[in-house]
Amino acid sequence: MANVDVYTHEKGVGRLQKENVAHHYSYDLNAKYALSLTMPIRLETYTYEGLHPFFQVNMPEVDYDPIMNDSKKWIMQIRNWKTALNRFMVTFEDPLKDYV
């Protein structure tokens, strides 16, 4: 199972989890901002077969092998790399296992 902390307005609002083909999103108890109008804040977990469209729209389409190979050559620290890598892991869990 892959877990990703979700942020909006630079504050943690919840956690997205992948279990087989199902994705589960739960808001933190202290969340003050909803992710979208289609996902208002609630105590119950949102469960979807596949990834919810809100997350699909916000995922970049990239080939990860060149990124991981080229990142070894970078001399600048990547800002928010942990957040970006967490997002990549939700959708591309298996291809990234060799790098993480």
Foldseek 3Di string as FASTA:
>chain_A
DAKAFDDDPNDTFWMWDDDPQKIKIATDPPHDDALDPVGDHDHDIDMDRHDDVSLVVVQDDDDCPVVLVVVVVDPDDDPPPVNNVSSCCRPPVVVCPVPD
